[in-house]
N, C-alpha and C. Protein backbone atom coordinates (compact mmCIF):
# COMPACT_ATOMS: atom_id res chain seq x y z
N MET A 1 53.77 161.07 59.39
CA MET A 1 53.92 159.84 58.64
C MET A 1 52.76 158.91 59.00
N ALA A 2 52.11 158.35 58.02
CA ALA A 2 50.96 157.47 58.26
C ALA A 2 51.44 156.09 58.70
N GLU A 3 50.71 155.53 59.67
CA GLU A 3 51.05 154.19 60.13
C GLU A 3 50.52 153.16 59.14
N VAL A 4 51.32 152.15 58.92
CA VAL A 4 50.89 151.06 58.05
C VAL A 4 50.18 150.04 58.92
N ALA A 5 48.98 149.66 58.50
CA ALA A 5 48.23 148.67 59.27
C ALA A 5 48.96 147.33 59.23
N GLU A 6 49.05 146.71 60.38
CA GLU A 6 49.74 145.43 60.46
C GLU A 6 48.88 144.35 59.81
N LYS A 7 49.49 143.58 58.94
CA LYS A 7 48.80 142.52 58.22
C LYS A 7 48.50 141.35 59.15
N GLU A 8 47.33 140.80 58.99
CA GLU A 8 47.02 139.58 59.73
C GLU A 8 47.88 138.46 59.16
N ARG A 9 48.44 137.66 60.06
CA ARG A 9 49.24 136.51 59.61
C ARG A 9 48.60 135.24 60.13
N ARG A 10 48.67 134.21 59.32
CA ARG A 10 48.22 132.88 59.71
C ARG A 10 49.48 132.03 59.88
N ILE A 11 49.78 131.71 61.13
CA ILE A 11 51.00 130.97 61.47
C ILE A 11 50.60 129.54 61.82
N LEU A 12 50.99 128.60 60.98
CA LEU A 12 50.68 127.20 61.21
C LEU A 12 51.85 126.55 61.93
N VAL A 13 51.58 125.92 63.07
CA VAL A 13 52.61 125.24 63.83
C VAL A 13 52.25 123.76 63.90
N ALA A 14 53.14 122.91 63.38
CA ALA A 14 52.95 121.46 63.43
C ALA A 14 53.39 120.98 64.81
N ILE A 15 52.50 120.27 65.50
CA ILE A 15 52.82 119.79 66.84
C ILE A 15 52.66 118.27 66.90
N ASP A 16 53.42 117.67 67.81
CA ASP A 16 53.28 116.24 68.10
C ASP A 16 53.69 116.02 69.55
N GLU A 17 53.91 114.77 69.93
CA GLU A 17 54.22 114.46 71.32
C GLU A 17 55.64 114.84 71.71
N GLY A 18 56.48 115.10 70.74
CA GLY A 18 57.91 115.31 71.00
C GLY A 18 58.25 116.65 71.62
N GLU A 19 59.35 116.65 72.34
CA GLU A 19 59.87 117.88 72.94
C GLU A 19 60.21 118.90 71.86
N GLU A 20 60.63 118.41 70.69
CA GLU A 20 61.07 119.29 69.62
C GLU A 20 59.94 120.18 69.13
N SER A 21 58.75 119.63 68.99
CA SER A 21 57.65 120.45 68.48
C SER A 21 57.18 121.45 69.54
N MET A 22 57.21 121.06 70.81
CA MET A 22 56.82 122.00 71.87
C MET A 22 57.86 123.11 72.01
N TYR A 23 59.13 122.77 71.81
CA TYR A 23 60.17 123.80 71.83
C TYR A 23 59.95 124.76 70.66
N ALA A 24 59.64 124.22 69.48
CA ALA A 24 59.40 125.07 68.31
C ALA A 24 58.22 125.99 68.55
N LEU A 25 57.16 125.48 69.17
CA LEU A 25 55.99 126.31 69.48
C LEU A 25 56.38 127.42 70.45
N SER A 26 57.10 127.07 71.50
CA SER A 26 57.53 128.06 72.48
C SER A 26 58.39 129.13 71.83
N TRP A 27 59.32 128.72 70.99
CA TRP A 27 60.20 129.66 70.30
C TRP A 27 59.38 130.58 69.39
N CYS A 28 58.43 130.00 68.70
CA CYS A 28 57.55 130.76 67.81
C CYS A 28 56.77 131.82 68.60
N LEU A 29 56.24 131.43 69.75
CA LEU A 29 55.45 132.35 70.56
C LEU A 29 56.30 133.54 71.03
N LYS A 30 57.57 133.27 71.32
CA LYS A 30 58.46 134.32 71.84
C LYS A 30 59.08 135.17 70.73
N ASN A 31 59.21 134.61 69.52
CA ASN A 31 59.98 135.29 68.48
C ASN A 31 59.24 135.59 67.19
N VAL A 32 58.11 134.97 66.96
CA VAL A 32 57.40 135.16 65.69
C VAL A 32 56.06 135.85 65.90
N VAL A 33 55.29 135.38 66.87
CA VAL A 33 53.97 135.95 67.12
C VAL A 33 54.15 137.34 67.71
N SER A 34 53.50 138.29 67.10
CA SER A 34 53.59 139.67 67.56
C SER A 34 52.60 139.90 68.69
N GLN A 35 53.05 140.53 69.74
CA GLN A 35 52.21 140.75 70.92
C GLN A 35 50.99 141.61 70.61
N ASN A 36 51.12 142.54 69.70
CA ASN A 36 50.00 143.45 69.42
C ASN A 36 49.41 143.23 68.03
N SER A 37 49.50 142.03 67.54
CA SER A 37 49.05 141.78 66.17
C SER A 37 47.72 141.05 66.14
N LYS A 38 47.29 140.84 64.95
CA LYS A 38 46.08 140.06 64.72
C LYS A 38 46.46 138.68 64.19
N ASP A 39 47.60 138.17 64.64
CA ASP A 39 48.05 136.85 64.19
C ASP A 39 47.06 135.78 64.61
N THR A 40 46.88 134.81 63.74
CA THR A 40 46.12 133.62 64.07
C THR A 40 47.11 132.46 64.10
N LEU A 41 47.11 131.76 65.21
CA LEU A 41 47.98 130.61 65.38
C LEU A 41 47.16 129.36 65.09
N ILE A 42 47.63 128.54 64.17
CA ILE A 42 46.92 127.31 63.81
C ILE A 42 47.80 126.14 64.25
N LEU A 43 47.33 125.40 65.24
CA LEU A 43 48.07 124.24 65.75
C LEU A 43 47.54 123.00 65.04
N VAL A 44 48.43 122.27 64.37
CA VAL A 44 48.03 121.08 63.61
C VAL A 44 48.74 119.86 64.17
N TYR A 45 47.94 118.88 64.55
CA TYR A 45 48.45 117.59 65.02
C TYR A 45 48.00 116.54 64.00
N VAL A 46 48.91 115.69 63.56
CA VAL A 46 48.57 114.67 62.57
C VAL A 46 48.70 113.29 63.21
N LYS A 47 47.57 112.56 63.20
CA LYS A 47 47.58 111.18 63.68
C LYS A 47 47.97 110.30 62.50
N THR A 48 49.03 109.53 62.69
CA THR A 48 49.47 108.64 61.62
C THR A 48 48.61 107.38 61.65
N PRO A 49 48.35 106.82 60.47
CA PRO A 49 47.52 105.61 60.43
C PRO A 49 48.17 104.46 61.19
N GLN A 50 47.34 103.66 61.84
CA GLN A 50 47.85 102.49 62.56
C GLN A 50 48.22 101.41 61.56
N THR A 51 49.42 100.87 61.72
CA THR A 51 49.86 99.79 60.87
C THR A 51 49.57 98.47 61.56
N VAL A 52 48.95 97.57 60.84
CA VAL A 52 48.62 96.27 61.40
C VAL A 52 49.38 95.22 60.61
N TYR A 53 50.09 94.41 61.32
CA TYR A 53 50.84 93.33 60.69
C TYR A 53 50.13 92.02 60.94
N MET A 54 49.96 91.28 59.89
CA MET A 54 49.35 89.96 60.01
C MET A 54 50.48 88.95 60.23
N PRO A 55 50.28 88.02 61.14
CA PRO A 55 51.34 87.02 61.38
C PRO A 55 51.45 86.05 60.21
N LEU A 56 52.62 85.53 60.05
CA LEU A 56 52.84 84.52 59.02
C LEU A 56 52.80 83.15 59.67
N ASP A 57 52.17 82.20 58.99
CA ASP A 57 52.22 80.84 59.52
C ASP A 57 53.55 80.23 59.07
N GLY A 58 53.77 79.00 59.36
CA GLY A 58 55.04 78.35 59.04
C GLY A 58 55.34 78.33 57.56
N THR A 59 54.34 78.49 56.70
CA THR A 59 54.55 78.43 55.26
C THR A 59 54.77 79.80 54.63
N GLY A 60 54.69 80.86 55.45
CA GLY A 60 54.88 82.20 54.92
C GLY A 60 53.60 82.84 54.42
N ARG A 61 52.47 82.12 54.60
CA ARG A 61 51.18 82.70 54.17
C ARG A 61 50.63 83.57 55.28
N ARG A 62 49.89 84.57 54.91
CA ARG A 62 49.26 85.45 55.89
C ARG A 62 47.86 84.94 56.21
N GLY A 63 47.48 85.07 57.48
CA GLY A 63 46.10 84.84 57.87
C GLY A 63 45.66 83.38 57.87
N SER A 64 46.56 82.48 58.09
CA SER A 64 46.14 81.08 58.15
C SER A 64 45.49 80.81 59.50
N GLN A 65 45.07 79.57 59.71
CA GLN A 65 44.40 79.23 60.96
C GLN A 65 45.29 79.42 62.18
N SER A 66 46.59 79.31 62.00
CA SER A 66 47.47 79.51 63.15
C SER A 66 47.69 81.00 63.43
N GLY A 67 47.27 81.86 62.51
CA GLY A 67 47.43 83.29 62.69
C GLY A 67 46.29 83.88 63.50
N TYR A 68 46.24 85.18 63.59
CA TYR A 68 45.17 85.84 64.31
C TYR A 68 44.86 87.16 63.61
N MET A 69 43.72 87.69 63.91
CA MET A 69 43.31 88.98 63.35
C MET A 69 42.93 89.88 64.53
N PHE A 70 43.20 91.16 64.38
CA PHE A 70 42.77 92.09 65.41
C PHE A 70 41.26 92.25 65.33
N SER A 71 40.62 92.28 66.45
CA SER A 71 39.18 92.47 66.46
C SER A 71 38.86 93.95 66.33
N SER A 72 37.62 94.24 66.01
CA SER A 72 37.20 95.63 65.90
C SER A 72 37.33 96.34 67.25
N ASP A 73 37.22 95.59 68.36
CA ASP A 73 37.39 96.19 69.68
C ASP A 73 38.80 96.73 69.87
N ILE A 74 39.78 95.99 69.38
CA ILE A 74 41.17 96.43 69.52
C ILE A 74 41.40 97.66 68.66
N PHE A 75 40.88 97.66 67.43
CA PHE A 75 41.00 98.84 66.57
C PHE A 75 40.34 100.05 67.23
N ALA A 76 39.17 99.86 67.81
CA ALA A 76 38.46 100.97 68.46
C ALA A 76 39.26 101.49 69.65
N ALA A 77 39.85 100.58 70.42
CA ALA A 77 40.66 100.98 71.58
C ALA A 77 41.90 101.76 71.12
N MET A 78 42.52 101.30 70.04
CA MET A 78 43.69 102.00 69.51
C MET A 78 43.30 103.39 69.02
N GLU A 79 42.17 103.51 68.36
CA GLU A 79 41.70 104.81 67.87
C GLU A 79 41.38 105.75 69.03
N ARG A 80 40.72 105.23 70.07
CA ARG A 80 40.42 106.05 71.25
C ARG A 80 41.71 106.57 71.88
N TYR A 81 42.69 105.69 71.98
CA TYR A 81 43.97 106.08 72.58
C TYR A 81 44.65 107.18 71.76
N THR A 82 44.71 107.02 70.43
CA THR A 82 45.36 108.04 69.61
C THR A 82 44.59 109.36 69.67
N CYS A 83 43.27 109.30 69.79
CA CYS A 83 42.48 110.53 69.94
C CYS A 83 42.77 111.21 71.27
N GLU A 84 42.92 110.42 72.34
CA GLU A 84 43.26 110.98 73.65
C GLU A 84 44.63 111.63 73.64
N VAL A 85 45.59 110.96 73.01
CA VAL A 85 46.94 111.52 72.91
C VAL A 85 46.90 112.83 72.13
N ALA A 86 46.22 112.82 70.98
CA ALA A 86 46.13 114.03 70.15
C ALA A 86 45.48 115.16 70.93
N GLY A 87 44.38 114.87 71.61
CA GLY A 87 43.69 115.90 72.40
C GLY A 87 44.57 116.45 73.51
N GLY A 88 45.32 115.57 74.16
CA GLY A 88 46.22 116.00 75.23
C GLY A 88 47.33 116.90 74.71
N VAL A 89 47.90 116.56 73.55
CA VAL A 89 48.97 117.37 72.97
C VAL A 89 48.43 118.75 72.57
N VAL A 90 47.24 118.78 71.98
CA VAL A 90 46.64 120.04 71.56
C VAL A 90 46.35 120.92 72.77
N GLU A 91 45.81 120.34 73.84
CA GLU A 91 45.51 121.12 75.05
C GLU A 91 46.78 121.66 75.69
N LYS A 92 47.83 120.84 75.72
CA LYS A 92 49.12 121.29 76.27
C LYS A 92 49.66 122.46 75.45
N ALA A 93 49.54 122.38 74.13
CA ALA A 93 50.02 123.44 73.26
C ALA A 93 49.21 124.73 73.45
N LYS A 94 47.89 124.61 73.56
CA LYS A 94 47.05 125.79 73.78
C LYS A 94 47.40 126.45 75.11
N LYS A 95 47.60 125.65 76.14
CA LYS A 95 47.96 126.20 77.46
C LYS A 95 49.29 126.94 77.37
N MET A 96 50.24 126.37 76.63
CA MET A 96 51.53 127.03 76.46
C MET A 96 51.34 128.39 75.78
N CYS A 97 50.48 128.45 74.79
CA CYS A 97 50.23 129.72 74.09
C CYS A 97 49.74 130.78 75.07
N TRP A 98 48.77 130.43 75.88
CA TRP A 98 48.21 131.38 76.83
C TRP A 98 49.23 131.76 77.91
N ASP A 99 50.01 130.78 78.38
CA ASP A 99 51.00 131.04 79.43
C ASP A 99 52.12 131.96 78.93
N VAL A 100 52.59 131.72 77.71
CA VAL A 100 53.72 132.50 77.19
C VAL A 100 53.28 133.90 76.79
N LEU A 101 52.15 134.01 76.10
CA LEU A 101 51.73 135.31 75.59
C LEU A 101 51.04 136.17 76.62
N GLN A 102 50.45 135.56 77.64
CA GLN A 102 49.75 136.30 78.69
C GLN A 102 48.67 137.21 78.11
N GLN A 103 48.08 136.79 77.01
CA GLN A 103 47.01 137.57 76.39
C GLN A 103 46.19 136.65 75.50
N ASP A 104 45.05 137.17 75.10
CA ASP A 104 44.23 136.40 74.17
C ASP A 104 44.86 136.47 72.79
N ILE A 105 44.84 135.35 72.13
CA ILE A 105 45.30 135.28 70.75
C ILE A 105 44.35 134.32 70.04
N MET A 106 44.13 134.57 68.78
CA MET A 106 43.27 133.68 68.00
C MET A 106 44.02 132.38 67.77
N ILE A 107 43.48 131.28 68.32
CA ILE A 107 44.09 129.96 68.16
C ILE A 107 43.08 129.04 67.52
N GLN A 108 43.50 128.41 66.45
CA GLN A 108 42.70 127.36 65.82
C GLN A 108 43.45 126.06 66.00
N THR A 109 42.72 124.98 66.18
CA THR A 109 43.38 123.68 66.30
C THR A 109 42.78 122.72 65.28
N ARG A 110 43.63 121.87 64.77
CA ARG A 110 43.20 120.85 63.82
C ARG A 110 43.87 119.54 64.20
N ILE A 111 43.09 118.48 64.22
CA ILE A 111 43.64 117.13 64.37
C ILE A 111 43.26 116.40 63.10
N GLU A 112 44.26 115.97 62.37
CA GLU A 112 44.06 115.35 61.06
C GLU A 112 44.65 113.95 61.06
N ASN A 113 44.28 113.17 60.08
CA ASN A 113 44.77 111.80 59.91
C ASN A 113 45.57 111.69 58.62
N GLY A 114 46.66 110.91 58.66
CA GLY A 114 47.41 110.63 57.45
C GLY A 114 48.91 110.73 57.66
N ASP A 115 49.61 110.76 56.55
CA ASP A 115 51.06 110.91 56.58
C ASP A 115 51.36 112.37 56.91
N PRO A 116 52.10 112.64 57.98
CA PRO A 116 52.35 114.03 58.39
C PRO A 116 52.90 114.91 57.27
N ARG A 117 53.77 114.35 56.43
CA ARG A 117 54.36 115.15 55.34
C ARG A 117 53.27 115.69 54.42
N ASP A 118 52.38 114.81 54.00
CA ASP A 118 51.34 115.21 53.06
C ASP A 118 50.27 116.07 53.73
N VAL A 119 49.88 115.69 54.93
CA VAL A 119 48.82 116.42 55.63
C VAL A 119 49.24 117.85 55.95
N ILE A 120 50.46 118.03 56.45
CA ILE A 120 50.92 119.38 56.80
C ILE A 120 50.98 120.25 55.55
N CYS A 121 51.53 119.73 54.47
CA CYS A 121 51.59 120.50 53.22
C CYS A 121 50.19 120.88 52.75
N HIS A 122 49.27 119.94 52.82
CA HIS A 122 47.88 120.20 52.41
C HIS A 122 47.24 121.26 53.31
N MET A 123 47.47 121.18 54.62
CA MET A 123 46.87 122.13 55.55
C MET A 123 47.42 123.54 55.32
N VAL A 124 48.70 123.66 55.02
CA VAL A 124 49.29 124.97 54.73
C VAL A 124 48.55 125.62 53.56
N GLU A 125 48.34 124.82 52.52
CA GLU A 125 47.66 125.34 51.34
C GLU A 125 46.18 125.62 51.62
N GLN A 126 45.50 124.65 52.22
CA GLN A 126 44.07 124.77 52.47
C GLN A 126 43.73 125.94 53.39
N LEU A 127 44.55 126.17 54.41
CA LEU A 127 44.27 127.20 55.40
C LEU A 127 44.92 128.54 55.07
N GLY A 128 45.68 128.59 53.99
CA GLY A 128 46.32 129.84 53.57
C GLY A 128 47.34 130.35 54.57
N ALA A 129 48.18 129.45 55.08
CA ALA A 129 49.19 129.85 56.06
C ALA A 129 50.22 130.78 55.43
N ASP A 130 50.62 131.77 56.22
CA ASP A 130 51.67 132.70 55.78
C ASP A 130 53.05 132.18 56.14
N VAL A 131 53.13 131.34 57.15
CA VAL A 131 54.40 130.75 57.56
C VAL A 131 54.10 129.42 58.24
N LEU A 132 55.00 128.46 58.07
CA LEU A 132 54.91 127.15 58.71
C LEU A 132 56.06 127.03 59.70
N VAL A 133 55.75 126.68 60.94
CA VAL A 133 56.77 126.50 61.97
C VAL A 133 56.78 125.03 62.38
N MET A 134 57.96 124.43 62.39
CA MET A 134 58.09 123.02 62.74
C MET A 134 59.33 122.81 63.60
N GLY A 135 59.27 121.78 64.42
CA GLY A 135 60.45 121.38 65.17
C GLY A 135 61.26 120.41 64.34
N SER A 136 62.52 120.31 64.66
CA SER A 136 63.41 119.37 63.99
C SER A 136 63.80 118.29 64.99
N HIS A 137 63.61 117.04 64.61
CA HIS A 137 63.99 115.94 65.50
C HIS A 137 65.49 115.73 65.52
N GLY A 138 66.20 116.31 64.55
CA GLY A 138 67.66 116.21 64.54
C GLY A 138 68.15 114.80 64.25
N TYR A 139 67.40 114.07 63.42
CA TYR A 139 67.84 112.72 63.06
C TYR A 139 69.15 112.80 62.29
N GLY A 140 69.95 111.78 62.46
CA GLY A 140 71.18 111.68 61.68
C GLY A 140 70.86 111.23 60.26
N LEU A 141 71.89 111.16 59.45
CA LEU A 141 71.73 110.83 58.03
C LEU A 141 71.05 109.49 57.82
N ILE A 142 71.46 108.46 58.55
CA ILE A 142 70.91 107.12 58.34
C ILE A 142 69.44 107.06 58.75
N LYS A 143 69.14 107.55 59.94
CA LYS A 143 67.76 107.51 60.42
C LYS A 143 66.85 108.33 59.50
N ARG A 144 67.33 109.49 59.06
CA ARG A 144 66.55 110.35 58.18
C ARG A 144 66.30 109.64 56.84
N ALA A 145 67.29 108.86 56.37
CA ALA A 145 67.13 108.15 55.10
C ALA A 145 66.03 107.10 55.20
N PHE A 146 65.91 106.44 56.34
CA PHE A 146 64.88 105.42 56.51
C PHE A 146 63.53 106.00 56.87
N LEU A 147 63.51 106.97 57.76
CA LEU A 147 62.25 107.53 58.25
C LEU A 147 61.75 108.68 57.39
N GLY A 148 62.65 109.34 56.71
CA GLY A 148 62.28 110.53 55.97
C GLY A 148 62.19 111.71 56.91
N SER A 149 62.38 112.88 56.39
CA SER A 149 62.32 114.08 57.21
C SER A 149 61.05 114.83 56.85
N VAL A 150 60.15 114.93 57.82
CA VAL A 150 58.89 115.65 57.60
C VAL A 150 59.20 117.11 57.31
N SER A 151 60.09 117.70 58.12
CA SER A 151 60.39 119.13 57.93
C SER A 151 61.04 119.39 56.58
N ASN A 152 61.93 118.51 56.14
CA ASN A 152 62.57 118.70 54.84
C ASN A 152 61.54 118.58 53.72
N HIS A 153 60.67 117.60 53.81
CA HIS A 153 59.63 117.43 52.79
C HIS A 153 58.76 118.68 52.71
N CYS A 154 58.33 119.18 53.86
CA CYS A 154 57.46 120.35 53.88
C CYS A 154 58.19 121.58 53.34
N ALA A 155 59.45 121.75 53.73
CA ALA A 155 60.23 122.90 53.26
C ALA A 155 60.35 122.89 51.73
N GLN A 156 60.40 121.70 51.15
CA GLN A 156 60.53 121.58 49.69
C GLN A 156 59.20 121.73 48.97
N ASN A 157 58.08 121.53 49.67
CA ASN A 157 56.81 121.42 48.96
C ASN A 157 55.74 122.47 49.29
N VAL A 158 55.92 123.28 50.32
CA VAL A 158 54.92 124.30 50.59
C VAL A 158 55.33 125.61 49.92
N LYS A 159 54.35 126.49 49.75
CA LYS A 159 54.60 127.74 49.02
C LYS A 159 54.79 128.93 49.94
N CYS A 160 54.90 128.68 51.25
CA CYS A 160 55.13 129.78 52.18
C CYS A 160 56.48 129.55 52.87
N PRO A 161 56.98 130.57 53.55
CA PRO A 161 58.23 130.37 54.30
C PRO A 161 58.06 129.28 55.36
N VAL A 162 59.11 128.51 55.57
CA VAL A 162 59.12 127.44 56.57
C VAL A 162 60.22 127.75 57.58
N LEU A 163 59.83 127.75 58.85
CA LEU A 163 60.79 127.99 59.93
C LEU A 163 60.97 126.68 60.67
N ILE A 164 62.15 126.09 60.55
CA ILE A 164 62.45 124.83 61.24
C ILE A 164 63.29 125.17 62.46
N VAL A 165 62.73 124.89 63.63
CA VAL A 165 63.36 125.25 64.89
C VAL A 165 64.01 124.01 65.49
N LYS A 166 65.30 124.08 65.71
CA LYS A 166 66.03 122.96 66.29
C LYS A 166 66.26 123.23 67.78
N LYS A 167 65.88 122.26 68.58
CA LYS A 167 66.06 122.38 70.04
C LYS A 167 67.55 122.23 70.34
N PRO A 168 68.11 123.18 71.09
CA PRO A 168 69.54 123.07 71.43
C PRO A 168 69.82 121.81 72.25
N LYS A 169 70.97 121.23 71.99
CA LYS A 169 71.37 120.06 72.79
C LYS A 169 71.78 120.52 74.16
N THR A 170 71.39 119.73 75.16
CA THR A 170 71.78 120.06 76.52
C THR A 170 73.02 119.25 76.89
N ASN A 171 73.89 119.84 77.65
CA ASN A 171 75.09 119.14 78.11
C ASN A 171 74.73 118.26 79.29
N GLY A 172 75.15 117.02 79.23
CA GLY A 172 74.91 116.18 80.38
C GLY A 172 74.40 114.89 80.09
């Protein structure tokens, strides 16, 4: 019987600072990535845009003399910080990949800017992902209604299978 060549898979894993995404990555490494395959793991971190609120003066107008504006130095410091956080999360995720698999695997990393829902969907399409793996924050109905569910949005809008990994609750 002839052996069928194993297809290369592009597995996109959405990561962030949360325990849920690192758990999803760990679960993916143990249960989805094949030890002897040519899988490519694509780690995607999305930096959300910084929201700046202008203070209101006593009349309800924005930006009056009693108000203040952020200087470009503060914006630059905020951007440096978000870049450091993103870099740290990506490095932690890459280290986890090497520690869990104990072998070389093709890993690509991307740090993108924008709304995570839109960016992740776009990256799946742009990079030709065969599967999308995401963690679930496990928000309740009310919180999900206000914040929106990134995983639900992606599951509804990407054209590949989506694996949403929920971290088990710990007792205590």
